[in-house]
Amino acid sequence: MNLPRISVVIPSFNQAAYLESAICSVVDQSYENLELIVIDGGSNDGTLDILSMYEPEISFLISRSDRGPAQAINKGVSKATGMIVGVLHSNDLYMPGVLHHVAQTMETDNGLNWVVGDTQLIDEYDEPVHIEHASTPESFCSFLMHDSGLLPSGSSFFRHSALQFVGSLDESLHFAFHYDLACRLYRSGHQPYITSHPLSAKRLRDSDQATGYTIANGIEFIDTARRYAGELSASKRAELLRNCDERERIYVLAQSEFYGPDGRDYLWDQLVGHPCWVRDPAFRNALVHGSARPVPQPAMRHAA
């Protein structure tokens, strides 16, 4: 079998603790027709020493300040010459045998433009924690509402021509650029092919990082989903906008806890742009008393 060229793009910035493991997880695949592209954002933590050790294995390398991971990935994809493209973040890993599996899957069916697999979650010591199972969205609307469809970015591989068709990642996004790409692919008629084969391992963040990341990530995902509301029917559009409003309100309440004594001022500022939120008992309670005080339960009425 003539193996198709696979281009793997690794964006990185100050990830010296994990970058070598990420590179090795690609190189150790022993995939003969591999193009490894590393785009570093100008790291100053020892990353360059690691990259110099693996320079013979890297097809294209650049270390220069950029505007974030989306721009770094766009730079890498623009240099890619492979028929298949994968993006691996520098703190994650590819599972063994993944590149051969993806190549065989996409070569068997020339109509496949997008392959997504399961993701093994790991801790900081590379110990397995849990598996996220990829799934196909039931509909575009349900994907926008996060009701269905799990398409992990690290376990996604694309036909290069499909990426060229939908265009570059949105560099204004810091978290949801992969989600936005998935929306554009899905909207363009590209259905993800789900393989039960675990394709990547994703490293979990520590609890302090995870909370702040989840809030910022969640709000950007909501804003991204709203972009596509106009492409839905009137009833589905209204359903999506209600869903986004409810989710955003939850994230804003969670965010207010990080402001401490100033949390109520933050909520009042948010209320200016979302006056209907005052109808929510939890939001009203946090406005008056702060987010730490539990929402009072309605009084129970007993028969005489």
C-alpha atoms as a PDB file:
ATOM      1  CA  MET A   1       0.000   0.000   0.000  1.00  0.00           C
ATOM      2  CA  ASN A   2       1.364   3.429  -0.989  1.00  0.00           C
ATOM      3  CA  LEU A   3       0.907   5.436   2.152  1.00  0.00           C
ATOM      4  CA  PRO A   4      -0.577   8.921   1.641  1.00  0.00           C
ATOM      5  CA  ARG A   5       1.430  11.766   3.050  1.00  0.00           C
ATOM      6  CA  ILE A   6       0.160  12.907   6.446  1.00  0.00           C
ATOM      7  CA  SER A   7       1.062  16.369   7.721  1.00  0.00           C
ATOM      8  CA  VAL A   8       0.951  16.767  11.502  1.00  0.00           C
ATOM      9  CA  VAL A   9       0.993  20.339  12.818  1.00  0.00           C
ATOM     10  CA  ILE A  10       2.097  20.927  16.416  1.00  0.00           C
ATOM     11  CA  PRO A  11       1.454  24.467  17.713  1.00  0.00           C
ATOM     12  CA  SER A  12       3.386  25.232  20.882  1.00  0.00           C
ATOM     13  CA  PHE A  13       4.170  28.007  23.322  1.00  0.00           C
ATOM     14  CA  ASN A  14       6.151  27.476  26.531  1.00  0.00           C
ATOM     15  CA  GLN A  15       5.268  23.778  26.757  1.00  0.00           C
ATOM     16  CA  ALA A  16       8.786  22.421  27.287  1.00  0.00           C
ATOM     17  CA  ALA A  17       7.497  20.056  29.970  1.00  0.00           C
ATOM     18  CA  TYR A  18       5.366  18.156  27.452  1.00  0.00           C
ATOM     19  CA  LEU A  19       6.582  19.054  23.958  1.00  0.00           C
ATOM     20  CA  GLU A  20       9.108  16.220  23.678  1.00  0.00           C
ATOM     21  CA  SER A  21       6.435  13.651  24.534  1.00  0.00           C
ATOM     22  CA  ALA A  22       4.149  15.117  21.870  1.00  0.00           C
ATOM     23  CA  ILE A  23       6.879  15.003  19.213  1.00  0.00           C
ATOM     24  CA  CYS A  24       7.866  11.453  20.138  1.00  0.00           C
ATOM     25  CA  SER A  25       4.248  10.307  19.953  1.00  0.00           C
ATOM     26  CA  VAL A  26       4.292  11.396  16.298  1.00  0.00           C
ATOM     27  CA  VAL A  27       7.773  10.247  15.322  1.00  0.00           C
ATOM     28  CA  ASP A  28       7.426   6.870  17.041  1.00  0.00           C
ATOM     29  CA  GLN A  29       4.473   6.048  14.784  1.00  0.00           C
ATOM     30  CA  SER A  30       7.125   4.927  12.238  1.00  0.00           C
ATOM     31  CA  TYR A  31       4.900   6.270   9.492  1.00  0.00           C
ATOM     32  CA  GLU A  32       7.057   6.480   6.396  1.00  0.00           C
ATOM     33  CA  ASN A  33       5.295   9.311   4.579  1.00  0.00           C
ATOM     34  CA  LEU A  34       5.152  11.793   7.475  1.00  0.00           C
ATOM     35  CA  GLU A  35       5.537  15.556   7.411  1.00  0.00           C
ATOM     36  CA  LEU A  36       5.982  16.999  10.913  1.00  0.00           C
ATOM     37  CA  ILE A  37       5.469  20.753  11.231  1.00  0.00           C
ATOM     38  CA  VAL A  38       6.135  22.579  14.511  1.00  0.00           C
ATOM     39  CA  ILE A  39       5.037  26.204  14.937  1.00  0.00           C
ATOM     40  CA  ASP A  40       6.354  27.706  18.167  1.00  0.00           C
ATOM     41  CA  GLY A  41       5.148  31.082  19.408  1.00  0.00           C
ATOM     42  CA  GLY A  42       8.569  32.296  20.552  1.00  0.00           C
ATOM     43  CA  SER A  43       8.940  30.201  23.717  1.00  0.00           C
ATOM     44  CA  ASN A  44      11.523  31.069  26.372  1.00  0.00           C
ATOM     45  CA  ASP A  45      11.252  28.004  28.613  1.00  0.00           C
ATOM     46  CA  GLY A  46      13.725  25.583  27.042  1.00  0.00           C
ATOM     47  CA  THR A  47      11.477  24.664  24.118  1.00  0.00           C
ATOM     48  CA  LEU A  48      14.150  25.583  21.561  1.00  0.00           C
ATOM     49  CA  ASP A  49      16.632  23.144  23.133  1.00  0.00           C
ATOM     50  CA  ILE A  50      14.090  20.352  22.701  1.00  0.00           C
ATOM     51  CA  LEU A  51      13.334  21.358  19.122  1.00  0.00           C
ATOM     52  CA  SER A  52      17.025  21.387  18.229  1.00  0.00           C
ATOM     53  CA  MET A  53      17.311  17.744  19.333  1.00  0.00           C
ATOM     54  CA  TYR A  54      14.486  16.701  17.018  1.00  0.00           C
ATOM     55  CA  GLU A  55      15.265  19.041  14.133  1.00  0.00           C
ATOM     56  CA  PRO A  56      16.176  16.140  11.785  1.00  0.00           C
ATOM     57  CA  GLU A  57      12.682  14.720  12.314  1.00  0.00           C
ATOM     58  CA  ILE A  58      10.899  18.033  11.713  1.00  0.00           C
ATOM     59  CA  SER A  59      10.032  18.974   8.147  1.00  0.00           C
ATOM     60  CA  PHE A  60       9.265  22.620   8.890  1.00  0.00           C
ATOM     61  CA  LEU A  61      10.008  24.574  12.060  1.00  0.00           C
ATOM     62  CA  ILE A  62       9.448  28.178  13.014  1.00  0.00           C
ATOM     63  CA  SER A  63       9.762  29.935  16.377  1.00  0.00           C
ATOM     64  CA  ARG A  64       8.309  33.412  16.269  1.00  0.00           C
ATOM     65  CA  SER A  65       5.803  35.409  18.277  1.00  0.00           C
ATOM     66  CA  ASP A  66       2.211  34.966  17.098  1.00  0.00           C
ATOM     67  CA  ARG A  67      -1.327  35.891  18.111  1.00  0.00           C
ATOM     68  CA  GLY A  68      -2.234  32.494  19.534  1.00  0.00           C
ATOM     69  CA  PRO A  69      -2.802  28.861  18.598  1.00  0.00           C
ATOM     70  CA  ALA A  70      -5.231  29.537  15.746  1.00  0.00           C
ATOM     71  CA  GLN A  71      -2.681  31.640  13.897  1.00  0.00           C
ATOM     72  CA  ALA A  72       0.049  29.085  14.631  1.00  0.00           C
ATOM     73  CA  ILE A  73      -2.090  26.280  13.195  1.00  0.00           C
ATOM     74  CA  ASN A  74      -2.911  28.360  10.115  1.00  0.00           C
ATOM     75  CA  LYS A  75       0.804  28.903   9.544  1.00  0.00           C
ATOM     76  CA  GLY A  76       1.422  25.181   9.829  1.00  0.00           C
ATOM     77  CA  VAL A  77      -1.435  24.142   7.550  1.00  0.00           C
ATOM     78  CA  SER A  78      -0.278  26.657   4.929  1.00  0.00           C
ATOM     79  CA  LYS A  79       3.061  24.797   4.804  1.00  0.00           C
ATOM     80  CA  ALA A  80       1.497  21.324   4.772  1.00  0.00           C
ATOM     81  CA  THR A  81       1.858  19.226   1.620  1.00  0.00           C
ATOM     82  CA  GLY A  82       0.121  16.098   2.900  1.00  0.00           C
ATOM     83  CA  MET A  83      -3.168  14.729   1.621  1.00  0.00           C
ATOM     84  CA  ILE A  84      -4.237  14.301   5.277  1.00  0.00           C
ATOM     85  CA  VAL A  85      -3.729  16.898   8.025  1.00  0.00           C
ATOM     86  CA  GLY A  86      -3.822  16.427  11.788  1.00  0.00           C
ATOM     87  CA  VAL A  87      -3.277  18.992  14.549  1.00  0.00           C
ATOM     88  CA  LEU A  88      -1.725  17.881  17.836  1.00  0.00           C
ATOM     89  CA  HIS A  89      -1.405  20.364  20.672  1.00  0.00           C
ATOM     90  CA  SER A  90       1.970  20.283  22.364  1.00  0.00           C
ATOM     91  CA  ASN A  91       0.699  19.001  25.723  1.00  0.00           C
ATOM     92  CA  ASP A  92      -1.191  16.072  24.149  1.00  0.00           C
ATOM     93  CA  LEU A  93      -0.169  12.781  22.523  1.00  0.00           C
ATOM     94  CA  TYR A  94      -1.072  10.552  19.593  1.00  0.00           C
ATOM     95  CA  MET A  95      -1.907   6.970  20.471  1.00  0.00           C
ATOM     96  CA  PRO A  96       0.269   4.215  18.897  1.00  0.00           C
ATOM     97  CA  GLY A  97      -0.626   3.174  15.359  1.00  0.00           C
ATOM     98  CA  VAL A  98      -2.916   6.146  14.756  1.00  0.00           C
ATOM     99  CA  LEU A  99      -1.388   7.428  11.516  1.00  0.00           C
ATOM    100  CA  HIS A 100      -1.535   4.017   9.817  1.00  0.00           C
ATOM    101  CA  HIS A 101      -5.135   3.579  10.997  1.00  0.00           C
ATOM    102  CA  VAL A 102      -6.221   6.984   9.676  1.00  0.00           C
ATOM    103  CA  ALA A 103      -4.393   6.493   6.372  1.00  0.00           C
ATOM    104  CA  GLN A 104      -6.011   3.109   5.807  1.00  0.00           C
ATOM    105  CA  THR A 105      -9.447   4.435   6.754  1.00  0.00           C
ATOM    106  CA  MET A 106      -9.283   7.402   4.401  1.00  0.00           C
ATOM    107  CA  GLU A 107      -7.647   5.458   1.558  1.00  0.00           C
ATOM    108  CA  THR A 108     -10.348   2.791   1.731  1.00  0.00           C
ATOM    109  CA  ASP A 109     -13.063   5.392   1.163  1.00  0.00           C
ATOM    110  CA  ASN A 110     -12.013   8.290  -1.038  1.00  0.00           C
ATOM    111  CA  GLY A 111     -15.172  10.143  -0.022  1.00  0.00           C
ATOM    112  CA  LEU A 112     -14.013  10.554   3.577  1.00  0.00           C
ATOM    113  CA  ASN A 113     -12.805  14.064   4.308  1.00  0.00           C
ATOM    114  CA  TRP A 114     -12.985  14.057   8.096  1.00  0.00           C
ATOM    115  CA  VAL A 115     -12.131  11.252  10.514  1.00  0.00           C
ATOM    116  CA  VAL A 116     -12.685  11.589  14.275  1.00  0.00           C
ATOM    117  CA  GLY A 117     -11.857   9.072  16.991  1.00  0.00           C
ATOM    118  CA  ASP A 118     -12.059   8.646  20.748  1.00  0.00           C
ATOM    119  CA  THR A 119      -9.783  10.517  23.133  1.00  0.00           C
ATOM    120  CA  GLN A 120      -7.982   9.055  26.134  1.00  0.00           C
ATOM    121  CA  LEU A 121      -7.853  11.578  28.979  1.00  0.00           C
ATOM    122  CA  ILE A 122      -4.619  11.383  30.980  1.00  0.00           C
ATOM    123  CA  ASP A 123      -3.204  13.078  34.050  1.00  0.00           C
ATOM    124  CA  GLU A 124       0.114  14.924  34.377  1.00  0.00           C
ATOM    125  CA  TYR A 125       1.904  11.570  34.787  1.00  0.00           C
ATOM    126  CA  ASP A 126       0.399  10.138  31.569  1.00  0.00           C
ATOM    127  CA  GLU A 127      -1.855   7.821  33.557  1.00  0.00           C
ATOM    128  CA  PRO A 128      -5.249   7.107  31.911  1.00  0.00           C
ATOM    129  CA  VAL A 129      -8.245   8.722  33.599  1.00  0.00           C
ATOM    130  CA  HIS A 130     -11.229   8.396  31.282  1.00  0.00           C
ATOM    131  CA  ILE A 131     -12.132   7.944  27.610  1.00  0.00           C
ATOM    132  CA  GLU A 132     -14.177  10.504  25.700  1.00  0.00           C
ATOM    133  CA  HIS A 133     -16.137   8.759  22.970  1.00  0.00           C
ATOM    134  CA  ALA A 134     -16.524  10.708  19.747  1.00  0.00           C
ATOM    135  CA  SER A 135     -20.045  10.979  18.354  1.00  0.00           C
ATOM    136  CA  THR A 136     -21.782  12.437  15.304  1.00  0.00           C
ATOM    137  CA  PRO A 137     -24.126  15.415  15.817  1.00  0.00           C
ATOM    138  CA  GLU A 138     -27.799  14.558  15.492  1.00  0.00           C
ATOM    139  CA  SER A 139     -28.344  17.859  13.680  1.00  0.00           C
ATOM    140  CA  PHE A 140     -26.564  21.149  13.123  1.00  0.00           C
ATOM    141  CA  CYS A 141     -28.827  22.841  15.669  1.00  0.00           C
ATOM    142  CA  SER A 142     -28.155  20.248  18.366  1.00  0.00           C
ATOM    143  CA  PHE A 143     -24.406  20.580  17.729  1.00  0.00           C
ATOM    144  CA  LEU A 144     -24.633  24.342  18.153  1.00  0.00           C
ATOM    145  CA  MET A 145     -26.537  23.818  21.423  1.00  0.00           C
ATOM    146  CA  HIS A 146     -24.021  21.215  22.635  1.00  0.00           C
ATOM    147  CA  ASP A 147     -26.800  18.667  22.935  1.00  0.00           C
ATOM    148  CA  SER A 148     -25.108  16.137  20.651  1.00  0.00           C
ATOM    149  CA  GLY A 149     -21.864  15.586  18.805  1.00  0.00           C
ATOM    150  CA  LEU A 150     -18.463  15.177  20.435  1.00  0.00           C
ATOM    151  CA  LEU A 151     -15.681  15.864  17.940  1.00  0.00           C
ATOM    152  CA  PRO A 152     -12.364  16.212  19.843  1.00  0.00           C
ATOM    153  CA  SER A 153      -9.879  18.347  17.940  1.00  0.00           C
ATOM    154  CA  GLY A 154      -6.813  16.267  18.838  1.00  0.00           C
ATOM    155  CA  SER A 155      -8.522  13.130  17.545  1.00  0.00           C
ATOM    156  CA  SER A 156      -9.570  14.720  14.249  1.00  0.00           C
ATOM    157  CA  PHE A 157      -7.904  14.283  10.874  1.00  0.00           C
ATOM    158  CA  PHE A 158      -8.899  16.134   7.719  1.00  0.00           C
ATOM    159  CA  ARG A 159      -8.382  15.777   4.026  1.00  0.00           C
ATOM    160  CA  HIS A 160      -6.289  18.798   3.093  1.00  0.00           C
ATOM    161  CA  SER A 161      -8.661  19.716   0.261  1.00  0.00           C
ATOM    162  CA  ALA A 162     -11.582  19.961   2.720  1.00  0.00           C
ATOM    163  CA  LEU A 163      -9.659  22.424   4.901  1.00  0.00           C
ATOM    164  CA  GLN A 164      -8.822  24.504   1.855  1.00  0.00           C
ATOM    165  CA  PHE A 165     -12.501  24.511   0.891  1.00  0.00           C
ATOM    166  CA  VAL A 166     -13.805  25.885   4.224  1.00  0.00           C
ATOM    167  CA  GLY A 167     -10.885  28.258   4.823  1.00  0.00           C
ATOM    168  CA  SER A 168      -8.467  29.041   7.635  1.00  0.00           C
ATOM    169  CA  LEU A 169      -9.151  28.952  11.351  1.00  0.00           C
ATOM    170  CA  ASP A 170     -10.622  32.128  12.817  1.00  0.00           C
ATOM    171  CA  GLU A 171      -7.641  33.789  14.500  1.00  0.00           C
ATOM    172  CA  SER A 172      -9.884  36.045  16.607  1.00  0.00           C
ATOM    173  CA  LEU A 173     -10.874  32.968  18.646  1.00  0.00           C
ATOM    174  CA  HIS A 174      -8.657  31.736  21.485  1.00  0.00           C
ATOM    175  CA  PHE A 175     -10.555  28.574  22.479  1.00  0.00           C
ATOM    176  CA  ALA A 176     -13.347  27.763  20.036  1.00  0.00           C
ATOM    177  CA  PHE A 177     -11.437  27.863  16.733  1.00  0.00           C
ATOM    178  CA  HIS A 178     -11.627  24.064  16.332  1.00  0.00           C
ATOM    179  CA  TYR A 179     -15.352  24.141  17.134  1.00  0.00           C
ATOM    180  CA  ASP A 180     -15.883  26.888  14.571  1.00  0.00           C
ATOM    181  CA  LEU A 181     -14.001  24.796  11.999  1.00  0.00           C
ATOM    182  CA  ALA A 182     -16.214  21.793  12.784  1.00  0.00           C
ATOM    183  CA  CYS A 183     -19.317  23.996  12.348  1.00  0.00           C
ATOM    184  CA  ARG A 184     -18.105  25.181   8.945  1.00  0.00           C
ATOM    185  CA  LEU A 185     -17.277  21.659   7.813  1.00  0.00           C
ATOM    186  CA  TYR A 186     -20.619  20.293   9.011  1.00  0.00           C
ATOM    187  CA  ARG A 187     -22.512  23.201   7.460  1.00  0.00           C
ATOM    188  CA  SER A 188     -20.712  22.548   4.149  1.00  0.00           C
ATOM    189  CA  GLY A 189     -21.971  18.978   4.049  1.00  0.00           C
ATOM    190  CA  HIS A 190     -18.868  17.222   5.396  1.00  0.00           C
ATOM    191  CA  GLN A 191     -19.990  14.488   7.771  1.00  0.00           C
ATOM    192  CA  PRO A 192     -17.409  13.244  10.300  1.00  0.00           C
ATOM    193  CA  TYR A 193     -16.581   9.561  10.084  1.00  0.00           C
ATOM    194  CA  ILE A 194     -16.405   8.245  13.651  1.00  0.00           C
ATOM    195  CA  THR A 195     -13.918   5.501  14.408  1.00  0.00           C
ATOM    196  CA  SER A 196     -13.943   3.775  17.783  1.00  0.00           C
ATOM    197  CA  HIS A 197     -10.146   3.651  17.641  1.00  0.00           C
ATOM    198  CA  PRO A 198      -8.659   6.018  20.302  1.00  0.00           C
ATOM    199  CA  LEU A 199      -6.614   8.500  18.296  1.00  0.00           C
ATOM    200  CA  SER A 200      -5.137  10.867  20.866  1.00  0.00           C
ATOM    201  CA  ALA A 201      -4.501  11.365  24.571  1.00  0.00           C
ATOM    202  CA  LYS A 202      -5.472  14.686  26.109  1.00  0.00           C
ATOM    203  CA  ARG A 203      -3.794  15.918  29.252  1.00  0.00           C
ATOM    204  CA  LEU A 204      -6.143  17.222  31.942  1.00  0.00           C
ATOM    205  CA  ARG A 205      -5.491  20.603  33.496  1.00  0.00           C
ATOM    206  CA  ASP A 206      -5.105  21.056  37.234  1.00  0.00           C
ATOM    207  CA  SER A 207      -8.237  22.149  39.086  1.00  0.00           C
ATOM    208  CA  ASP A 208      -7.271  25.827  39.394  1.00  0.00           C
ATOM    209  CA  GLN A 209      -6.527  26.119  35.682  1.00  0.00           C
ATOM    210  CA  ALA A 210      -9.534  24.068  34.684  1.00  0.00           C
ATOM    211  CA  THR A 211     -12.167  26.322  36.284  1.00  0.00           C
ATOM    212  CA  GLY A 212     -11.007  29.554  34.669  1.00  0.00           C
ATOM    213  CA  TYR A 213     -10.388  27.794  31.363  1.00  0.00           C
ATOM    214  CA  THR A 214     -13.832  26.185  31.366  1.00  0.00           C
ATOM    215  CA  ILE A 215     -15.590  29.520  31.872  1.00  0.00           C
ATOM    216  CA  ALA A 216     -13.619  31.409  29.210  1.00  0.00           C
ATOM    217  CA  ASN A 217     -13.854  28.459  26.844  1.00  0.00           C
ATOM    218  CA  GLY A 218     -17.589  28.037  27.403  1.00  0.00           C
ATOM    219  CA  ILE A 219     -18.449  31.684  26.774  1.00  0.00           C
ATOM    220  CA  GLU A 220     -16.466  31.733  23.527  1.00  0.00           C
ATOM    221  CA  PHE A 221     -18.187  28.536  22.352  1.00  0.00           C
ATOM    222  CA  ILE A 222     -21.566  30.185  22.996  1.00  0.00           C
ATOM    223  CA  ASP A 223     -20.604  33.292  21.031  1.00  0.00           C
ATOM    224  CA  THR A 224     -19.382  31.075  18.195  1.00  0.00           C
ATOM    225  CA  ALA A 225     -22.646  29.109  18.112  1.00  0.00           C
ATOM    226  CA  ARG A 226     -24.615  32.347  17.810  1.00  0.00           C
ATOM    227  CA  ARG A 227     -22.801  33.110  14.559  1.00  0.00           C
ATOM    228  CA  TYR A 228     -24.711  30.330  12.839  1.00  0.00           C
ATOM    229  CA  ALA A 229     -28.184  31.127  14.204  1.00  0.00           C
ATOM    230  CA  GLY A 230     -29.176  32.827  10.947  1.00  0.00           C
ATOM    231  CA  GLU A 231     -28.715  29.577   9.032  1.00  0.00           C
ATOM    232  CA  LEU A 232     -31.441  27.796  11.022  1.00  0.00           C
ATOM    233  CA  SER A 233     -35.205  27.889  10.617  1.00  0.00           C
ATOM    234  CA  ALA A 234     -37.065  30.489  12.675  1.00  0.00           C
ATOM    235  CA  SER A 235     -38.140  27.973  15.343  1.00  0.00           C
ATOM    236  CA  LYS A 236     -34.699  26.374  15.597  1.00  0.00           C
ATOM    237  CA  ARG A 237     -33.048  29.801  15.672  1.00  0.00           C
ATOM    238  CA  ALA A 238     -35.218  30.839  18.617  1.00  0.00           C
ATOM    239  CA  GLU A 239     -34.423  27.553  20.366  1.00  0.00           C
ATOM    240  CA  LEU A 240     -30.684  28.043  19.859  1.00  0.00           C
ATOM    241  CA  LEU A 241     -30.726  31.638  21.095  1.00  0.00           C
ATOM    242  CA  ARG A 242     -32.638  30.643  24.256  1.00  0.00           C
ATOM    243  CA  ASN A 243     -30.140  27.843  24.815  1.00  0.00           C
ATOM    244  CA  CYS A 244     -27.169  30.192  24.377  1.00  0.00           C
ATOM    245  CA  ASP A 245     -28.699  32.755  26.722  1.00  0.00           C
ATOM    246  CA  GLU A 246     -29.277  30.156  29.451  1.00  0.00           C
ATOM    247  CA  ARG A 247     -25.756  28.766  29.160  1.00  0.00           C
ATOM    248  CA  GLU A 248     -24.167  32.212  29.118  1.00  0.00           C
ATOM    249  CA  ARG A 249     -26.050  33.199  32.278  1.00  0.00           C
ATOM    250  CA  ILE A 250     -24.688  30.139  34.084  1.00  0.00           C
ATOM    251  CA  TYR A 251     -21.127  30.964  33.044  1.00  0.00           C
ATOM    252  CA  VAL A 252     -21.513  34.605  34.072  1.00  0.00           C
ATOM    253  CA  LEU A 253     -22.735  33.575  37.528  1.00  0.00           C
ATOM    254  CA  ALA A 254     -19.745  31.249  37.841  1.00  0.00           C
ATOM    255  CA  GLN A 255     -17.401  34.007  36.642  1.00  0.00           C
ATOM    256  CA  SER A 256     -18.708  36.390  39.294  1.00  0.00           C
ATOM    257  CA  GLU A 257     -17.281  34.134  42.008  1.00  0.00           C
ATOM    258  CA  PHE A 258     -13.754  34.965  40.794  1.00  0.00           C
ATOM    259  CA  TYR A 259     -14.326  38.673  41.426  1.00  0.00           C
ATOM    260  CA  GLY A 260     -14.852  38.218  45.170  1.00  0.00           C
ATOM    261  CA  PRO A 261     -16.380  41.364  46.728  1.00  0.00           C
ATOM    262  CA  ASP A 262     -16.639  42.922  43.254  1.00  0.00           C
ATOM    263  CA  GLY A 263     -18.720  40.055  41.909  1.00  0.00           C
ATOM    264  CA  ARG A 264     -22.000  41.958  42.317  1.00  0.00           C
ATOM    265  CA  ASP A 265     -20.629  44.944  40.365  1.00  0.00           C
ATOM    266  CA  TYR A 266     -19.671  42.541  37.570  1.00  0.00           C
ATOM    267  CA  LEU A 267     -23.200  41.090  37.526  1.00  0.00           C
ATOM    268  CA  TRP A 268     -24.786  44.552  37.410  1.00  0.00           C
ATOM    269  CA  ASP A 269     -22.583  45.366  34.402  1.00  0.00           C
ATOM    270  CA  GLN A 270     -23.709  42.137  32.710  1.00  0.00           C
ATOM    271  CA  LEU A 271     -27.362  42.930  33.442  1.00  0.00           C
ATOM    272  CA  VAL A 272     -27.145  46.094  31.327  1.00  0.00           C
ATOM    273  CA  GLY A 273     -26.601  43.958  28.223  1.00  0.00           C
ATOM    274  CA  HIS A 274     -29.005  41.186  29.319  1.00  0.00           C
ATOM    275  CA  PRO A 275     -31.934  42.859  31.151  1.00  0.00           C
ATOM    276  CA  CYS A 276     -34.110  39.732  30.909  1.00  0.00           C
ATOM    277  CA  TRP A 277     -31.704  37.908  33.240  1.00  0.00           C
ATOM    278  CA  VAL A 278     -33.303  39.721  36.178  1.00  0.00           C
ATOM    279  CA  ARG A 279     -36.170  37.205  35.928  1.00  0.00           C
ATOM    280  CA  ASP A 280     -33.812  34.401  37.031  1.00  0.00           C
ATOM    281  CA  PRO A 281     -34.053  33.899  40.846  1.00  0.00           C
ATOM    282  CA  ALA A 282     -30.423  32.775  41.050  1.00  0.00           C
ATOM    283  CA  PHE A 283     -29.244  35.876  39.200  1.00  0.00           C
ATOM    284  CA  ARG A 284     -31.393  38.202  41.337  1.00  0.00           C
ATOM    285  CA  ASN A 285     -30.103  36.586  44.511  1.00  0.00           C
ATOM    286  CA  ALA A 286     -26.469  36.971  43.375  1.00  0.00           C
ATOM    287  CA  LEU A 287     -27.099  40.622  42.461  1.00  0.00           C
ATOM    288  CA  VAL A 288     -28.430  41.419  45.918  1.00  0.00           C
ATOM    289  CA  HIS A 289     -26.414  39.151  48.179  1.00  0.00           C
ATOM    290  CA  GLY A 290     -23.450  37.922  46.164  1.00  0.00           C
ATOM    291  CA  SER A 291     -22.941  34.530  44.552  1.00  0.00           C
ATOM    292  CA  ALA A 292     -21.848  32.851  47.796  1.00  0.00           C
ATOM    293  CA  ARG A 293     -25.291  33.094  49.393  1.00  0.00           C
ATOM    294  CA  PRO A 294     -27.609  30.183  48.455  1.00  0.00           C
ATOM    295  CA  VAL A 295     -30.805  30.938  46.603  1.00  0.00           C
ATOM    296  CA  PRO A 296     -33.714  30.968  49.094  1.00  0.00           C
ATOM    297  CA  GLN A 297     -36.261  28.250  48.435  1.00  0.00           C
ATOM    298  CA  PRO A 298     -39.924  29.217  48.065  1.00  0.00           C
ATOM    299  CA  ALA A 299     -41.921  28.765  51.261  1.00  0.00           C
ATOM    300  CA  MET A 300     -43.854  25.526  51.529  1.00  0.00           C
ATOM    301  CA  ARG A 301     -47.611  25.952  51.796  1.00  0.00           C
ATOM    302  CA  HIS A 302     -49.427  23.457  53.984  1.00  0.00           C
ATOM    303  CA  ALA A 303     -53.115  22.756  54.074  1.00  0.00           C
ATOM    304  CA  ALA A 304     -54.950  24.133  57.122  1.00  0.00           C
END
